[in-house]
Amino acid sequence: SRARQEDPEQLRLKQKAKEMQQQELAQMRQREANLTALAAIGPRKKRKNLGSPSSASAEGSGTGSSLTGAAGSSGSRPTRQRITRVNLRDLLFCLEDERFTSHSHFLYKGFLK
């Protein structure tokens, strides 16, 4: 009858392998969930050092640096480009102030909305 049934040692090894596989799958799911949550909240903001000369040059760059959005790398996580949301009214205000876009067709179409 033992030839028909599997060896108890073999059954125990199969069960242990199945448990290890489930644990590994759970860890991968948890890691993916953590990365997704971190990506959703965005990159950490760096503190500005008031005494360093590099912070003074970074402050003078204005809105151009916030639109490029390359975040600092933190570990093995891939960097994502930061998305900045603006209102149409704010966009129209900026276009109106710019010399090259103050009389553009795009600006007038925006005013019609």
PDB file of N, CA and C in Angstrom:
ATOM      1  N   SER A   1       0.828  -1.201   0.000  1.00  0.00           N
ATOM      2  CA  SER A   1       0.000   0.000   0.000  1.00  0.00           C
ATOM      3  C   SER A   1       0.865   1.254   0.000  1.00  0.00           C
ATOM      4  N   ARG A   2       2.079   1.143   0.488  1.00  0.00           N
ATOM      5  CA  ARG A   2       2.961   2.299   0.542  1.00  0.00           C
ATOM      6  C   ARG A   2       3.409   2.719  -0.850  1.00  0.00           C
ATOM      7  N   ALA A   3       3.467   1.793  -1.780  1.00  0.00           N
ATOM      8  CA  ALA A   3       3.874   2.138  -3.138  1.00  0.00           C
ATOM      9  C   ALA A   3       2.849   3.048  -3.787  1.00  0.00           C
ATOM     10  N   ARG A   4       1.574   2.863  -3.440  1.00  0.00           N
ATOM     11  CA  ARG A   4       0.531   3.717  -4.012  1.00  0.00           C
ATOM     12  C   ARG A   4       0.606   5.122  -3.433  1.00  0.00           C
ATOM     13  N   GLN A   5       0.738   5.219  -2.126  1.00  0.00           N
ATOM     14  CA  GLN A   5       0.769   6.530  -1.477  1.00  0.00           C
ATOM     15  C   GLN A   5       2.159   7.140  -1.610  1.00  0.00           C
ATOM     16  N   GLU A   6       2.175   8.475  -1.518  1.00  0.00           N
ATOM     17  CA  GLU A   6       3.472   9.135  -1.576  1.00  0.00           C
ATOM     18  C   GLU A   6       4.184   8.999  -0.246  1.00  0.00           C
ATOM     19  N   ASP A   7       5.449   9.109  -0.302  1.00  0.00           N
ATOM     20  CA  ASP A   7       6.277   9.037   0.891  1.00  0.00           C
ATOM     21  C   ASP A   7       5.921  10.203   1.828  1.00  0.00           C
ATOM     22  N   PRO A   8       5.759   9.982   3.139  1.00  0.00           N
ATOM     23  CA  PRO A   8       5.413  11.091   4.043  1.00  0.00           C
ATOM     24  C   PRO A   8       6.475  12.202   4.044  1.00  0.00           C
ATOM     25  N   GLU A   9       7.714  11.843   3.851  1.00  0.00           N
ATOM     26  CA  GLU A   9       8.781  12.838   3.768  1.00  0.00           C
ATOM     27  C   GLU A   9       8.586  13.731   2.536  1.00  0.00           C
ATOM     28  N   GLN A  10       8.221  13.087   1.429  1.00  0.00           N
ATOM     29  CA  GLN A  10       7.967  13.825   0.170  1.00  0.00           C
ATOM     30  C   GLN A  10       6.792  14.788   0.352  1.00  0.00           C
ATOM     31  N   LEU A  11       5.719  14.328   1.016  1.00  0.00           N
ATOM     32  CA  LEU A  11       4.559  15.187   1.259  1.00  0.00           C
ATOM     33  C   LEU A  11       4.938  16.395   2.113  1.00  0.00           C
ATOM     34  N   ARG A  12       5.754  16.167   3.125  1.00  0.00           N
ATOM     35  CA  ARG A  12       6.171  17.252   4.008  1.00  0.00           C
ATOM     36  C   ARG A  12       7.026  18.277   3.248  1.00  0.00           C
ATOM     37  N   LEU A  13       7.894  17.814   2.379  1.00  0.00           N
ATOM     38  CA  LEU A  13       8.729  18.718   1.580  1.00  0.00           C
ATOM     39  C   LEU A  13       7.878  19.537   0.612  1.00  0.00           C
ATOM     40  N   LYS A  14       6.890  18.884   0.004  1.00  0.00           N
ATOM     41  CA  LYS A  14       6.008  19.609  -0.919  1.00  0.00           C
ATOM     42  C   LYS A  14       5.224  20.697  -0.184  1.00  0.00           C
ATOM     43  N   GLN A  15       4.729  20.366   1.007  1.00  0.00           N
ATOM     44  CA  GLN A  15       3.972  21.329   1.796  1.00  0.00           C
ATOM     45  C   GLN A  15       4.852  22.525   2.183  1.00  0.00           C
ATOM     46  N   LYS A  16       6.082  22.238   2.581  1.00  0.00           N
ATOM     47  CA  LYS A  16       6.996  23.311   2.974  1.00  0.00           C
ATOM     48  C   LYS A  16       7.336  24.204   1.784  1.00  0.00           C
ATOM     49  N   ALA A  17       7.540  23.602   0.613  1.00  0.00           N
ATOM     50  CA  ALA A  17       7.830  24.377  -0.598  1.00  0.00           C
ATOM     51  C   ALA A  17       6.647  25.264  -0.967  1.00  0.00           C
ATOM     52  N   LYS A  18       5.440  24.739  -0.797  1.00  0.00           N
ATOM     53  CA  LYS A  18       4.249  25.516  -1.109  1.00  0.00           C
ATOM     54  C   LYS A  18       4.115  26.704  -0.157  1.00  0.00           C
ATOM     55  N   GLU A  19       4.386  26.487   1.126  1.00  0.00           N
ATOM     56  CA  GLU A  19       4.323  27.576   2.102  1.00  0.00           C
ATOM     57  C   GLU A  19       5.365  28.647   1.806  1.00  0.00           C
ATOM     58  N   MET A  20       6.567  28.223   1.457  1.00  0.00           N
ATOM     59  CA  MET A  20       7.617  29.199   1.138  1.00  0.00           C
ATOM     60  C   MET A  20       7.254  30.015  -0.088  1.00  0.00           C
ATOM     61  N   GLN A  21       6.645  29.357  -1.080  1.00  0.00           N
ATOM     62  CA  GLN A  21       6.241  30.061  -2.293  1.00  0.00           C
ATOM     63  C   GLN A  21       5.151  31.090  -1.968  1.00  0.00           C
ATOM     64  N   GLN A  22       4.214  30.736  -1.099  1.00  0.00           N
ATOM     65  CA  GLN A  22       3.155  31.667  -0.718  1.00  0.00           C
ATOM     66  C   GLN A  22       3.724  32.856   0.064  1.00  0.00           C
ATOM     67  N   GLN A  23       4.708  32.586   0.938  1.00  0.00           N
ATOM     68  CA  GLN A  23       5.334  33.676   1.679  1.00  0.00           C
ATOM     69  C   GLN A  23       6.067  34.630   0.741  1.00  0.00           C
ATOM     70  N   GLU A  24       6.757  34.073  -0.226  1.00  0.00           N
ATOM     71  CA  GLU A  24       7.481  34.914  -1.188  1.00  0.00           C
ATOM     72  C   GLU A  24       6.514  35.758  -2.006  1.00  0.00           C
ATOM     73  N   LEU A  25       5.391  35.164  -2.412  1.00  0.00           N
ATOM     74  CA  LEU A  25       4.384  35.902  -3.167  1.00  0.00           C
ATOM     75  C   LEU A  25       3.787  37.027  -2.325  1.00  0.00           C
ATOM     76  N   ALA A  26       3.535  36.749  -1.040  1.00  0.00           N
ATOM     77  CA  ALA A  26       2.997  37.779  -0.146  1.00  0.00           C
ATOM     78  C   ALA A  26       3.998  38.918   0.038  1.00  0.00           C
ATOM     79  N   GLN A  27       5.288  38.587   0.145  1.00  0.00           N
ATOM     80  CA  GLN A  27       6.306  39.627   0.282  1.00  0.00           C
ATOM     81  C   GLN A  27       6.388  40.486  -0.973  1.00  0.00           C
ATOM     82  N   MET A  28       6.282  39.866  -2.138  1.00  0.00           N
ATOM     83  CA  MET A  28       6.322  40.636  -3.391  1.00  0.00           C
ATOM     84  C   MET A  28       5.121  41.567  -3.485  1.00  0.00           C
ATOM     85  N   ARG A  29       3.946  41.085  -3.093  1.00  0.00           N
ATOM     86  CA  ARG A  29       2.751  41.934  -3.114  1.00  0.00           C
ATOM     87  C   ARG A  29       2.905  43.114  -2.156  1.00  0.00           C
ATOM     88  N   GLN A  30       3.439  42.842  -0.972  1.00  0.00           N
ATOM     89  CA  GLN A  30       3.636  43.907   0.013  1.00  0.00           C
ATOM     90  C   GLN A  30       4.632  44.942  -0.495  1.00  0.00           C
ATOM     91  N   ARG A  31       5.708  44.485  -1.127  1.00  0.00           N
ATOM     92  CA  ARG A  31       6.710  45.402  -1.666  1.00  0.00           C
ATOM     93  C   ARG A  31       6.106  46.266  -2.762  1.00  0.00           C
ATOM     94  N   GLU A  32       5.307  45.649  -3.647  1.00  0.00           N
ATOM     95  CA  GLU A  32       4.650  46.417  -4.717  1.00  0.00           C
ATOM     96  C   GLU A  32       3.682  47.448  -4.141  1.00  0.00           C
ATOM     97  N   ALA A  33       2.937  47.057  -3.107  1.00  0.00           N
ATOM     98  CA  ALA A  33       2.000  47.993  -2.483  1.00  0.00           C
ATOM     99  C   ALA A  33       2.736  49.158  -1.845  1.00  0.00           C
ATOM    100  N   ASN A  34       3.870  48.881  -1.199  1.00  0.00           N
ATOM    101  CA  ASN A  34       4.658  49.948  -0.587  1.00  0.00           C
ATOM    102  C   ASN A  34       5.207  50.908  -1.636  1.00  0.00           C
ATOM    103  N   LEU A  35       5.726  50.361  -2.735  1.00  0.00           N
ATOM    104  CA  LEU A  35       6.258  51.224  -3.792  1.00  0.00           C
ATOM    105  C   LEU A  35       5.168  52.071  -4.421  1.00  0.00           C
ATOM    106  N   THR A  36       3.979  51.483  -4.600  1.00  0.00           N
ATOM    107  CA  THR A  36       2.865  52.235  -5.170  1.00  0.00           C
ATOM    108  C   THR A  36       2.444  53.363  -4.236  1.00  0.00           C
ATOM    109  N   ALA A  37       2.399  53.072  -2.943  1.00  0.00           N
ATOM    110  CA  ALA A  37       2.027  54.113  -1.977  1.00  0.00           C
ATOM    111  C   ALA A  37       3.065  55.227  -1.946  1.00  0.00           C
ATOM    112  N   LEU A  38       4.338  54.872  -1.982  1.00  0.00           N
ATOM    113  CA  LEU A  38       5.386  55.901  -1.987  1.00  0.00           C
ATOM    114  C   LEU A  38       5.333  56.741  -3.250  1.00  0.00           C
ATOM    115  N   ALA A  39       5.045  56.106  -4.389  1.00  0.00           N
ATOM    116  CA  ALA A  39       4.942  56.856  -5.643  1.00  0.00           C
ATOM    117  C   ALA A  39       3.739  57.789  -5.618  1.00  0.00           C
ATOM    118  N   ALA A  40       2.662  57.371  -4.935  1.00  0.00           N
ATOM    119  CA  ALA A  40       1.457  58.197  -4.885  1.00  0.00           C
ATOM    120  C   ALA A  40       1.663  59.450  -4.040  1.00  0.00           C
ATOM    121  N   ILE A  41       2.432  59.340  -2.958  1.00  0.00           N
ATOM    122  CA  ILE A  41       2.619  60.526  -2.110  1.00  0.00           C
ATOM    123  C   ILE A  41       3.715  61.436  -2.630  1.00  0.00           C
ATOM    124  N   GLY A  42       4.495  60.967  -3.579  1.00  0.00           N
ATOM    125  CA  GLY A  42       5.509  61.817  -4.192  1.00  0.00           C
ATOM    126  C   GLY A  42       6.830  61.762  -3.465  1.00  0.00           C
ATOM    127  N   PRO A  43       7.821  62.433  -4.020  1.00  0.00           N
ATOM    128  CA  PRO A  43       9.160  62.398  -3.418  1.00  0.00           C
ATOM    129  C   PRO A  43       9.206  63.218  -2.134  1.00  0.00           C
ATOM    130  N   ARG A  44      10.157  62.880  -1.299  1.00  0.00           N
ATOM    131  CA  ARG A  44      10.354  63.638  -0.063  1.00  0.00           C
ATOM    132  C   ARG A  44      10.943  64.999  -0.385  1.00  0.00           C
ATOM    133  N   LYS A  45      10.515  65.992   0.355  1.00  0.00           N
ATOM    134  CA  LYS A  45      11.053  67.335   0.133  1.00  0.00           C
ATOM    135  C   LYS A  45      12.350  67.479   0.904  1.00  0.00           C
ATOM    136  N   LYS A  46      13.335  68.028   0.243  1.00  0.00           N
ATOM    137  CA  LYS A  46      14.624  68.238   0.888  1.00  0.00           C
ATOM    138  C   LYS A  46      14.598  69.558   1.649  1.00  0.00           C
ATOM    139  N   ARG A  47      15.261  69.569   2.777  1.00  0.00           N
ATOM    140  CA  ARG A  47      15.374  70.804   3.545  1.00  0.00           C
ATOM    141  C   ARG A  47      16.438  71.692   2.911  1.00  0.00           C
ATOM    142  N   LYS A  48      16.161  72.979   2.911  1.00  0.00           N
ATOM    143  CA  LYS A  48      17.135  73.915   2.352  1.00  0.00           C
ATOM    144  C   LYS A  48      18.119  74.308   3.434  1.00  0.00           C
ATOM    145  N   ASN A  49      19.395  74.233   3.122  1.00  0.00           N
ATOM    146  CA  ASN A  49      20.429  74.723   4.037  1.00  0.00           C
ATOM    147  C   ASN A  49      20.595  76.207   3.800  1.00  0.00           C
ATOM    148  N   LEU A  50      20.338  76.983   4.828  1.00  0.00           N
ATOM    149  CA  LEU A  50      20.395  78.440   4.667  1.00  0.00           C
ATOM    150  C   LEU A  50      21.812  78.939   4.464  1.00  0.00           C
ATOM    151  N   GLY A  51      22.801  78.230   4.979  1.00  0.00           N
ATOM    152  CA  GLY A  51      24.177  78.698   4.889  1.00  0.00           C
ATOM    153  C   GLY A  51      24.873  78.327   3.596  1.00  0.00           C
ATOM    154  N   SER A  52      24.364  77.374   2.846  1.00  0.00           N
ATOM    155  CA  SER A  52      25.087  76.910   1.665  1.00  0.00           C
ATOM    156  C   SER A  52      24.830  77.813   0.468  1.00  0.00           C
ATOM    157  N   PRO A  53      25.832  78.043  -0.370  1.00  0.00           N
ATOM    158  CA  PRO A  53      25.644  78.905  -1.537  1.00  0.00           C
ATOM    159  C   PRO A  53      24.803  78.236  -2.629  1.00  0.00           C
ATOM    160  N   SER A  54      24.704  76.908  -2.620  1.00  0.00           N
ATOM    161  CA  SER A  54      23.931  76.229  -3.668  1.00  0.00           C
ATOM    162  C   SER A  54      22.443  76.484  -3.511  1.00  0.00           C
ATOM    163  N   SER A  55      21.961  76.704  -2.275  1.00  0.00           N
ATOM    164  CA  SER A  55      20.531  76.962  -2.086  1.00  0.00           C
ATOM    165  C   SER A  55      20.147  78.328  -2.647  1.00  0.00           C
ATOM    166  N   ALA A  56      21.047  79.284  -2.601  1.00  0.00           N
ATOM    167  CA  ALA A  56      20.740  80.611  -3.136  1.00  0.00           C
ATOM    168  C   ALA A  56      20.587  80.559  -4.649  1.00  0.00           C
ATOM    169  N   SER A  57      21.408  79.764  -5.311  1.00  0.00           N
ATOM    170  CA  SER A  57      21.277  79.673  -6.766  1.00  0.00           C
ATOM    171  C   SER A  57      20.051  78.870  -7.154  1.00  0.00           C
ATOM    172  N   ALA A  58      19.642  77.909  -6.330  1.00  0.00           N
ATOM    173  CA  ALA A  58      18.458  77.110  -6.638  1.00  0.00           C
ATOM    174  C   ALA A  58      17.191  77.925  -6.470  1.00  0.00           C
ATOM    175  N   GLU A  59      17.183  78.883  -5.528  1.00  0.00           N
ATOM    176  CA  GLU A  59      15.996  79.699  -5.318  1.00  0.00           C
ATOM    177  C   GLU A  59      15.755  80.647  -6.482  1.00  0.00           C
ATOM    178  N   GLY A  60      16.792  81.081  -7.134  1.00  0.00           N
ATOM    179  CA  GLY A  60      16.646  82.031  -8.218  1.00  0.00           C
ATOM    180  C   GLY A  60      16.096  81.422  -9.497  1.00  0.00           C
ATOM    181  N   SER A  61      16.020  80.107  -9.578  1.00  0.00           N
ATOM    182  CA  SER A  61      15.569  79.485 -10.823  1.00  0.00           C
ATOM    183  C   SER A  61      14.071  79.609 -11.018  1.00  0.00           C
ATOM    184  N   GLY A  62      13.286  79.828  -9.971  1.00  0.00           N
ATOM    185  CA  GLY A  62      11.859  80.095 -10.098  1.00  0.00           C
ATOM    186  C   GLY A  62      11.067  78.876 -10.493  1.00  0.00           C
ATOM    187  N   THR A  63      10.039  79.092 -11.363  1.00  0.00           N
ATOM    188  CA  THR A  63       9.128  78.005 -11.711  1.00  0.00           C
ATOM    189  C   THR A  63       9.722  77.027 -12.702  1.00  0.00           C
ATOM    190  N   GLY A  64      10.774  77.360 -13.347  1.00  0.00           N
ATOM    191  CA  GLY A  64      11.369  76.450 -14.335  1.00  0.00           C
ATOM    192  C   GLY A  64      11.840  75.152 -13.725  1.00  0.00           C
ATOM    193  N   SER A  65      12.395  75.201 -12.535  1.00  0.00           N
ATOM    194  CA  SER A  65      12.883  73.980 -11.911  1.00  0.00           C
ATOM    195  C   SER A  65      11.742  73.110 -11.424  1.00  0.00           C
ATOM    196  N   SER A  66      10.606  73.698 -11.042  1.00  0.00           N
ATOM    197  CA  SER A  66       9.506  72.873 -10.549  1.00  0.00           C
ATOM    198  C   SER A  66       8.799  72.157 -11.690  1.00  0.00           C
ATOM    199  N   LEU A  67       8.889  72.674 -12.887  1.00  0.00           N
ATOM    200  CA  LEU A  67       8.232  71.997 -14.003  1.00  0.00           C
ATOM    201  C   LEU A  67       9.059  70.848 -14.547  1.00  0.00           C
ATOM    202  N   THR A  68      10.378  70.914 -14.417  1.00  0.00           N
ATOM    203  CA  THR A  68      11.180  69.802 -14.910  1.00  0.00           C
ATOM    204  C   THR A  68      11.000  68.594 -14.032  1.00  0.00           C
ATOM    205  N   GLY A  69      10.982  68.742 -12.721  1.00  0.00           N
ATOM    206  CA  GLY A  69      10.527  67.734 -11.799  1.00  0.00           C
ATOM    207  C   GLY A  69      11.365  66.494 -11.626  1.00  0.00           C
ATOM    208  N   ALA A  70      12.625  66.484 -11.895  1.00  0.00           N
ATOM    209  CA  ALA A  70      13.417  65.286 -11.649  1.00  0.00           C
ATOM    210  C   ALA A  70      13.646  65.167 -10.154  1.00  0.00           C
ATOM    211  N   ALA A  71      13.080  64.129  -9.554  1.00  0.00           N
ATOM    212  CA  ALA A  71      13.175  63.958  -8.110  1.00  0.00           C
ATOM    213  C   ALA A  71      14.507  63.323  -7.753  1.00  0.00           C
ATOM    214  N   GLY A  72      14.968  63.579  -6.531  1.00  0.00           N
ATOM    215  CA  GLY A  72      16.211  62.972  -6.056  1.00  0.00           C
ATOM    216  C   GLY A  72      16.048  61.481  -5.877  1.00  0.00           C
ATOM    217  N   SER A  73      17.082  60.727  -6.153  1.00  0.00           N
ATOM    218  CA  SER A  73      16.960  59.280  -6.057  1.00  0.00           C
ATOM    219  C   SER A  73      17.080  58.851  -4.610  1.00  0.00           C
ATOM    220  N   SER A  74      16.189  57.966  -4.207  1.00  0.00           N
ATOM    221  CA  SER A  74      16.230  57.455  -2.838  1.00  0.00           C
ATOM    222  C   SER A  74      16.271  55.937  -2.915  1.00  0.00           C
ATOM    223  N   GLY A  75      17.454  55.374  -2.919  1.00  0.00           N
ATOM    224  CA  GLY A  75      17.593  53.923  -2.938  1.00  0.00           C
ATOM    225  C   GLY A  75      17.455  53.364  -4.336  1.00  0.00           C
ATOM    226  N   SER A  76      16.806  52.208  -4.417  1.00  0.00           N
ATOM    227  CA  SER A  76      16.680  51.526  -5.705  1.00  0.00           C
ATOM    228  C   SER A  76      15.402  51.891  -6.428  1.00  0.00           C
ATOM    229  N   ARG A  77      14.600  52.790  -5.851  1.00  0.00           N
ATOM    230  CA  ARG A  77      13.336  53.168  -6.477  1.00  0.00           C
ATOM    231  C   ARG A  77      13.597  54.017  -7.715  1.00  0.00           C
ATOM    232  N   PRO A  78      12.950  53.709  -8.840  1.00  0.00           N
ATOM    233  CA  PRO A  78      13.178  54.521 -10.042  1.00  0.00           C
ATOM    234  C   PRO A  78      12.555  55.898  -9.868  1.00  0.00           C
ATOM    235  N   THR A  79      13.225  56.919 -10.439  1.00  0.00           N
ATOM    236  CA  THR A  79      12.726  58.277 -10.295  1.00  0.00           C
ATOM    237  C   THR A  79      11.603  58.519 -11.296  1.00  0.00           C
ATOM    238  N   ARG A  80      10.599  59.259 -10.835  1.00  0.00           N
ATOM    239  CA  ARG A  80       9.463  59.609 -11.676  1.00  0.00           C
ATOM    240  C   ARG A  80       9.449  61.106 -11.904  1.00  0.00           C
ATOM    241  N   GLN A  81       8.949  61.494 -13.060  1.00  0.00           N
ATOM    242  CA  GLN A  81       8.831  62.919 -13.317  1.00  0.00           C
ATOM    243  C   GLN A  81       7.621  63.432 -12.551  1.00  0.00           C
ATOM    244  N   ARG A  82       7.781  64.540 -11.873  1.00  0.00           N
ATOM    245  CA  ARG A  82       6.714  65.070 -11.047  1.00  0.00           C
ATOM    246  C   ARG A  82       5.682  65.781 -11.903  1.00  0.00           C
ATOM    247  N   ILE A  83       4.415  65.543 -11.615  1.00  0.00           N
ATOM    248  CA  ILE A  83       3.325  66.150 -12.363  1.00  0.00           C
ATOM    249  C   ILE A  83       2.800  67.331 -11.562  1.00  0.00           C
ATOM    250  N   THR A  84       2.731  68.492 -12.206  1.00  0.00           N
ATOM    251  CA  THR A  84       2.217  69.691 -11.555  1.00  0.00           C
ATOM    252  C   THR A  84       0.880  70.040 -12.174  1.00  0.00           C
ATOM    253  N   ARG A  85      -0.139  70.172 -11.334  1.00  0.00           N
ATOM    254  CA  ARG A  85      -1.470  70.511 -11.837  1.00  0.00           C
ATOM    255  C   ARG A  85      -1.702  72.013 -11.666  1.00  0.00           C
ATOM    256  N   VAL A  86      -2.291  72.634 -12.680  1.00  0.00           N
ATOM    257  CA  VAL A  86      -2.589  74.056 -12.617  1.00  0.00           C
ATOM    258  C   VAL A  86      -4.016  74.283 -13.085  1.00  0.00           C
ATOM    259  N   ASN A  87      -4.602  75.384 -12.660  1.00  0.00           N
ATOM    260  CA  ASN A  87      -5.924  75.780 -13.135  1.00  0.00           C
ATOM    261  C   ASN A  87      -5.774  76.475 -14.477  1.00  0.00           C
ATOM    262  N   LEU A  88      -6.850  76.473 -15.242  1.00  0.00           N
ATOM    263  CA  LEU A  88      -6.843  77.158 -16.531  1.00  0.00           C
ATOM    264  C   LEU A  88      -6.635  78.653 -16.329  1.00  0.00           C
ATOM    265  N   ARG A  89      -7.231  79.201 -15.272  1.00  0.00           N
ATOM    266  CA  ARG A  89      -7.092  80.629 -15.004  1.00  0.00           C
ATOM    267  C   ARG A  89      -5.631  81.005 -14.752  1.00  0.00           C
ATOM    268  N   ASP A  90      -4.925  80.137 -13.986  1.00  0.00           N
ATOM    269  CA  ASP A  90      -3.512  80.402 -13.721  1.00  0.00           C
ATOM    270  C   ASP A  90      -2.679  80.305 -14.994  1.00  0.00           C
ATOM    271  N   LEU A  91      -2.985  79.324 -15.829  1.00  0.00           N
ATOM    272  CA  LEU A  91      -2.266  79.170 -17.097  1.00  0.00           C
ATOM    273  C   LEU A  91      -2.482  80.385 -17.993  1.00  0.00           C
ATOM    274  N   LEU A  92      -3.726  80.839 -18.064  1.00  0.00           N
ATOM    275  CA  LEU A  92      -4.013  82.009 -18.902  1.00  0.00           C
ATOM    276  C   LEU A  92      -3.291  83.249 -18.374  1.00  0.00           C
ATOM    277  N   PHE A  93      -3.208  83.378 -17.066  1.00  0.00           N
ATOM    278  CA  PHE A  93      -2.499  84.508 -16.485  1.00  0.00           C
ATOM    279  C   PHE A  93      -1.023  84.480 -16.870  1.00  0.00           C
ATOM    280  N   CYS A  94      -0.406  83.300 -16.799  1.00  0.00           N
ATOM    281  CA  CYS A  94       1.009  83.190 -17.163  1.00  0.00           C
ATOM    282  C   CYS A  94       1.224  83.448 -18.648  1.00  0.00           C
ATOM    283  N   LEU A  95       0.313  82.937 -19.492  1.00  0.00           N
ATOM    284  CA  LEU A  95       0.444  83.166 -20.931  1.00  0.00           C
ATOM    285  C   LEU A  95       0.269  84.639 -21.282  1.00  0.00           C
ATOM    286  N   GLU A  96      -0.602  85.292 -20.534  1.00  0.00           N
ATOM    287  CA  GLU A  96      -0.853  86.712 -20.786  1.00  0.00           C
ATOM    288  C   GLU A  96       0.366  87.560 -20.430  1.00  0.00           C
ATOM    289  N   ASP A  97       1.109  87.145 -19.421  1.00  0.00           N
ATOM    290  CA  ASP A  97       2.289  87.902 -18.995  1.00  0.00           C
ATOM    291  C   ASP A  97       3.481  87.705 -19.919  1.00  0.00           C
ATOM    292  N   GLU A  98       3.563  86.568 -20.572  1.00  0.00           N
ATOM    293  CA  GLU A  98       4.702  86.290 -21.457  1.00  0.00           C
ATOM    294  C   GLU A  98       4.593  87.128 -22.724  1.00  0.00           C
ATOM    295  N   ARG A  99       5.714  87.624 -23.192  1.00  0.00           N
ATOM    296  CA  ARG A  99       5.717  88.477 -24.375  1.00  0.00           C
ATOM    297  C   ARG A  99       5.358  87.700 -25.643  1.00  0.00           C
ATOM    298  N   PHE A 100       5.852  86.471 -25.731  1.00  0.00           N
ATOM    299  CA  PHE A 100       5.644  85.697 -26.959  1.00  0.00           C
ATOM    300  C   PHE A 100       4.243  85.107 -27.045  1.00  0.00           C
ATOM    301  N   THR A 101       3.581  84.898 -25.926  1.00  0.00           N
ATOM    302  CA  THR A 101       2.263  84.258 -25.958  1.00  0.00           C
ATOM    303  C   THR A 101       1.123  85.208 -25.635  1.00  0.00           C
ATOM    304  N   SER A 102       1.405  86.481 -25.413  1.00  0.00           N
ATOM    305  CA  SER A 102       0.344  87.405 -25.002  1.00  0.00           C
ATOM    306  C   SER A 102      -0.693  87.634 -26.105  1.00  0.00           C
ATOM    307  N   HIS A 103      -0.321  87.423 -27.360  1.00  0.00           N
ATOM    308  CA  HIS A 103      -1.273  87.592 -28.466  1.00  0.00           C
ATOM    309  C   HIS A 103      -1.482  86.288 -29.231  1.00  0.00           C
ATOM    310  N   SER A 104      -1.296  85.184 -28.572  1.00  0.00           N
ATOM    311  CA  SER A 104      -1.392  83.907 -29.276  1.00  0.00           C
ATOM    312  C   SER A 104      -2.843  83.453 -29.433  1.00  0.00           C
ATOM    313  N   HIS A 105      -3.049  82.631 -30.432  1.00  0.00           N
ATOM    314  CA  HIS A 105      -4.370  82.070 -30.698  1.00  0.00           C
ATOM    315  C   HIS A 105      -4.808  81.171 -29.539  1.00  0.00           C
ATOM    316  N   PHE A 106      -3.879  80.461 -28.964  1.00  0.00           N
ATOM    317  CA  PHE A 106      -4.159  79.569 -27.838  1.00  0.00           C
ATOM    318  C   PHE A 106      -4.701  80.350 -26.638  1.00  0.00           C
ATOM    319  N   LEU A 107      -4.156  81.523 -26.391  1.00  0.00           N
ATOM    320  CA  LEU A 107      -4.602  82.353 -25.270  1.00  0.00           C
ATOM    321  C   LEU A 107      -6.046  82.812 -25.486  1.00  0.00           C
ATOM    322  N   TYR A 108      -6.348  83.254 -26.694  1.00  0.00           N
ATOM    323  CA  TYR A 108      -7.712  83.716 -26.973  1.00  0.00           C
ATOM    324  C   TYR A 108      -8.714  82.573 -26.905  1.00  0.00           C
ATOM    325  N   LYS A 109      -8.319  81.396 -27.339  1.00  0.00           N
ATOM    326  CA  LYS A 109      -9.218  80.237 -27.226  1.00  0.00           C
ATOM    327  C   LYS A 109      -9.438  79.886 -25.757  1.00  0.00           C
ATOM    328  N   GLY A 110      -8.414  80.091 -24.938  1.00  0.00           N
ATOM    329  CA  GLY A 110      -8.563  79.831 -23.508  1.00  0.00           C
ATOM    330  C   GLY A 110      -9.515  80.800 -22.842  1.00  0.00           C
ATOM    331  N   PHE A 111      -9.507  82.057 -23.292  1.00  0.00           N
ATOM    332  CA  PHE A 111     -10.424  83.042 -22.718  1.00  0.00           C
ATOM    333  C   PHE A 111     -11.876  82.723 -23.074  1.00  0.00           C
ATOM    334  N   LEU A 112     -12.104  82.044 -24.179  1.00  0.00           N
ATOM    335  CA  LEU A 112     -13.471  81.719 -24.588  1.00  0.00           C
ATOM    336  C   LEU A 112     -14.087  80.593 -23.758  1.00  0.00           C
ATOM    337  N   LYS A 113     -13.264  79.825 -23.085  1.00  0.00           N
ATOM    338  CA  LYS A 113     -13.786  78.696 -22.302  1.00  0.00           C
ATOM    339  C   LYS A 113     -14.394  79.143 -21.013  1.00  0.00           C
TER     340      LYS A 113
END
